[in-house]
Amino acid sequence: AQLQSTDQVEGVREPIRGTVSVASNGCLRLLIDDGTAPWIVWPPGSELADNGGVIADGSRYYDGDALVGAGLLVELTDLPAGDDPDSYFSSFGGYCGADETGVVVFDAVAHAEA
């Protein structure tokens, strides 16, 4: 999932680091060191890549890739129309369990240095 523009979700952006994980249902999550695994909303302009990955900010990200980005952690209802069960974010996010795990919204991402 992705936003159309970075101003669609309000809040202070902070550095967020984690590892991309593909859930059994195909949803992409970010495994964070604190033990959480929020659903990922990628930066504007991102697109699906082959083999279950995502192309974001000119790089490909797959299961197991470490990344760092500027973003924020929010609830599903903080996304545009996130409280409308018929909306894109609510239906897709609900399928991905974001109503329980939360959401990480990225404005920009990069591969993390090892």
C-alpha atoms as a PDB file:
ATOM      1  CA  ALA A   1       0.000   0.000   0.000  1.00  0.00           C
ATOM      2  CA  GLN A   2       1.113   3.572  -0.523  1.00  0.00           C
ATOM      3  CA  LEU A   3      -0.053   7.119   0.054  1.00  0.00           C
ATOM      4  CA  GLN A   4      -0.570   9.521  -2.814  1.00  0.00           C
ATOM      5  CA  SER A   5       1.348  12.264  -1.001  1.00  0.00           C
ATOM      6  CA  THR A   6       3.311  12.508   2.226  1.00  0.00           C
ATOM      7  CA  ASP A   7       0.937  15.080   3.731  1.00  0.00           C
ATOM      8  CA  GLN A   8      -1.993  12.636   3.874  1.00  0.00           C
ATOM      9  CA  VAL A   9      -1.006  11.497   7.383  1.00  0.00           C
ATOM     10  CA  GLU A  10      -0.096  14.133   9.924  1.00  0.00           C
ATOM     11  CA  GLY A  11       2.617  13.690  12.496  1.00  0.00           C
ATOM     12  CA  VAL A  12       6.291  14.147  13.204  1.00  0.00           C
ATOM     13  CA  ARG A  13       8.471  11.901  11.047  1.00  0.00           C
ATOM     14  CA  GLU A  14      11.255  10.040  12.801  1.00  0.00           C
ATOM     15  CA  PRO A  15      13.912   7.544  11.700  1.00  0.00           C
ATOM     16  CA  ILE A  16      12.458   4.033  11.733  1.00  0.00           C
ATOM     17  CA  ARG A  17      14.549   0.912  11.178  1.00  0.00           C
ATOM     18  CA  GLY A  18      13.479  -2.691  10.714  1.00  0.00           C
ATOM     19  CA  THR A  19      13.381  -5.734   8.479  1.00  0.00           C
ATOM     20  CA  VAL A  20      10.818  -6.387   5.760  1.00  0.00           C
ATOM     21  CA  SER A  21       8.758  -9.505   6.388  1.00  0.00           C
ATOM     22  CA  VAL A  22       6.172 -11.092   4.097  1.00  0.00           C
ATOM     23  CA  ALA A  23       3.291 -12.548   6.100  1.00  0.00           C
ATOM     24  CA  SER A  24       1.607 -15.813   5.066  1.00  0.00           C
ATOM     25  CA  ASN A  25      -1.200 -13.770   3.465  1.00  0.00           C
ATOM     26  CA  GLY A  26       1.307 -11.824   1.324  1.00  0.00           C
ATOM     27  CA  CYS A  27       1.149  -8.606   3.346  1.00  0.00           C
ATOM     28  CA  LEU A  28       4.379  -6.727   3.996  1.00  0.00           C
ATOM     29  CA  ARG A  29       5.273  -5.910   7.592  1.00  0.00           C
ATOM     30  CA  LEU A  30       8.243  -4.241   9.233  1.00  0.00           C
ATOM     31  CA  LEU A  31       9.849  -6.269  12.002  1.00  0.00           C
ATOM     32  CA  ILE A  32      11.058  -3.685  14.515  1.00  0.00           C
ATOM     33  CA  ASP A  33      13.528  -4.382  17.346  1.00  0.00           C
ATOM     34  CA  ASP A  34      10.852  -3.645  19.960  1.00  0.00           C
ATOM     35  CA  GLY A  35       8.997  -6.776  18.819  1.00  0.00           C
ATOM     36  CA  THR A  36       6.244  -5.045  16.868  1.00  0.00           C
ATOM     37  CA  ALA A  37       5.471  -5.785  13.217  1.00  0.00           C
ATOM     38  CA  PRO A  38       3.311  -3.023  11.732  1.00  0.00           C
ATOM     39  CA  TRP A  39       1.883  -3.152   8.216  1.00  0.00           C
ATOM     40  CA  ILE A  40       3.988  -1.080   5.795  1.00  0.00           C
ATOM     41  CA  VAL A  41       2.597   1.871   3.844  1.00  0.00           C
ATOM     42  CA  TRP A  42       5.330   2.718   1.342  1.00  0.00           C
ATOM     43  CA  PRO A  43       6.365   6.188   0.107  1.00  0.00           C
ATOM     44  CA  PRO A  44       4.390   7.809  -2.717  1.00  0.00           C
ATOM     45  CA  GLY A  45       5.396   6.483  -6.134  1.00  0.00           C
ATOM     46  CA  SER A  46       6.196   2.979  -4.872  1.00  0.00           C
ATOM     47  CA  GLU A  47       5.111  -0.028  -6.909  1.00  0.00           C
ATOM     48  CA  LEU A  48       4.993  -3.788  -6.628  1.00  0.00           C
ATOM     49  CA  ALA A  49       8.078  -5.660  -7.784  1.00  0.00           C
ATOM     50  CA  ASP A  50       8.385  -9.237  -8.951  1.00  0.00           C
ATOM     51  CA  ASN A  51       8.509 -12.051  -6.399  1.00  0.00           C
ATOM     52  CA  GLY A  52       6.482 -10.252  -3.731  1.00  0.00           C
ATOM     53  CA  GLY A  53       8.713  -7.225  -3.323  1.00  0.00           C
ATOM     54  CA  VAL A  54       8.287  -3.481  -3.618  1.00  0.00           C
ATOM     55  CA  ILE A  55      10.165  -0.824  -5.565  1.00  0.00           C
ATOM     56  CA  ALA A  56      10.414   2.319  -3.429  1.00  0.00           C
ATOM     57  CA  ASP A  57      12.672   5.339  -3.829  1.00  0.00           C
ATOM     58  CA  GLY A  58      14.531   3.599  -6.664  1.00  0.00           C
ATOM     59  CA  SER A  59      15.411   0.393  -4.783  1.00  0.00           C
ATOM     60  CA  ARG A  60      13.831  -3.043  -4.486  1.00  0.00           C
ATOM     61  CA  TYR A  61      12.841  -4.437  -1.101  1.00  0.00           C
ATOM     62  CA  TYR A  62      12.122  -8.088  -0.411  1.00  0.00           C
ATOM     63  CA  ASP A  63      11.479 -10.364   2.544  1.00  0.00           C
ATOM     64  CA  GLY A  64      14.441 -10.169   4.922  1.00  0.00           C
ATOM     65  CA  ASP A  65      15.799  -6.809   3.686  1.00  0.00           C
ATOM     66  CA  ALA A  66      16.855  -4.376   6.416  1.00  0.00           C
ATOM     67  CA  LEU A  67      15.713  -0.822   5.809  1.00  0.00           C
ATOM     68  CA  VAL A  68      15.701   2.577   7.425  1.00  0.00           C
ATOM     69  CA  GLY A  69      13.332   5.371   6.609  1.00  0.00           C
ATOM     70  CA  ALA A  70      11.665   8.587   7.623  1.00  0.00           C
ATOM     71  CA  GLY A  71       8.179   7.861   8.841  1.00  0.00           C
ATOM     72  CA  LEU A  72       5.785   7.448  11.699  1.00  0.00           C
ATOM     73  CA  LEU A  73       3.868   4.746  13.485  1.00  0.00           C
ATOM     74  CA  VAL A  74       0.096   5.194  13.420  1.00  0.00           C
ATOM     75  CA  GLU A  75      -3.160   3.316  13.807  1.00  0.00           C
ATOM     76  CA  LEU A  76      -5.135   2.104  10.789  1.00  0.00           C
ATOM     77  CA  THR A  77      -7.821   4.713  11.509  1.00  0.00           C
ATOM     78  CA  ASP A  78      -5.196   7.488  11.104  1.00  0.00           C
ATOM     79  CA  LEU A  79      -4.884   6.697   7.379  1.00  0.00           C
ATOM     80  CA  PRO A  80      -7.143   8.444   4.836  1.00  0.00           C
ATOM     81  CA  ALA A  81     -10.665   7.017   5.374  1.00  0.00           C
ATOM     82  CA  GLY A  82      -9.061   4.376   7.589  1.00  0.00           C
ATOM     83  CA  ASP A  83     -12.245   4.117   9.630  1.00  0.00           C
ATOM     84  CA  ASP A  84     -14.452   3.509   6.542  1.00  0.00           C
ATOM     85  CA  PRO A  85     -14.709  -0.276   6.011  1.00  0.00           C
ATOM     86  CA  ASP A  86     -15.212   0.248   2.256  1.00  0.00           C
ATOM     87  CA  SER A  87     -12.087   2.383   1.783  1.00  0.00           C
ATOM     88  CA  TYR A  88      -8.831   1.176   0.233  1.00  0.00           C
ATOM     89  CA  PHE A  89      -6.787   1.511   3.416  1.00  0.00           C
ATOM     90  CA  SER A  90      -9.394   0.067   5.754  1.00  0.00           C
ATOM     91  CA  SER A  91     -10.190  -2.960   3.605  1.00  0.00           C
ATOM     92  CA  PHE A  92      -6.596  -3.748   2.615  1.00  0.00           C
ATOM     93  CA  GLY A  93      -5.226  -2.840   6.041  1.00  0.00           C
ATOM     94  CA  GLY A  94      -7.906  -4.905   7.736  1.00  0.00           C
ATOM     95  CA  TYR A  95      -7.006  -7.904   5.555  1.00  0.00           C
ATOM     96  CA  CYS A  96      -3.366  -7.398   6.572  1.00  0.00           C
ATOM     97  CA  GLY A  97      -4.249  -7.196  10.279  1.00  0.00           C
ATOM     98  CA  ALA A  98      -3.211  -3.556  10.625  1.00  0.00           C
ATOM     99  CA  ASP A  99      -6.145  -2.919  12.918  1.00  0.00           C
ATOM    100  CA  GLU A 100      -4.244  -5.061  15.447  1.00  0.00           C
ATOM    101  CA  THR A 101      -0.573  -4.481  14.537  1.00  0.00           C
ATOM    102  CA  GLY A 102      -0.630  -0.791  13.615  1.00  0.00           C
ATOM    103  CA  VAL A 103       0.892   0.836  10.562  1.00  0.00           C
ATOM    104  CA  VAL A 104       4.284   2.270   9.678  1.00  0.00           C
ATOM    105  CA  VAL A 105       3.946   5.091   7.129  1.00  0.00           C
ATOM    106  CA  PHE A 106       7.159   5.876   5.263  1.00  0.00           C
ATOM    107  CA  ASP A 107       7.907   9.115   3.420  1.00  0.00           C
ATOM    108  CA  ALA A 108      11.288   7.768   2.281  1.00  0.00           C
ATOM    109  CA  VAL A 109      13.201   4.498   2.649  1.00  0.00           C
ATOM    110  CA  ALA A 110      16.695   3.169   1.989  1.00  0.00           C
ATOM    111  CA  HIS A 111      18.512  -0.100   2.522  1.00  0.00           C
ATOM    112  CA  ALA A 112      20.048  -0.121   5.991  1.00  0.00           C
ATOM    113  CA  GLU A 113      23.781  -0.567   6.368  1.00  0.00           C
ATOM    114  CA  ALA A 114      24.712  -3.838   8.017  1.00  0.00           C
END
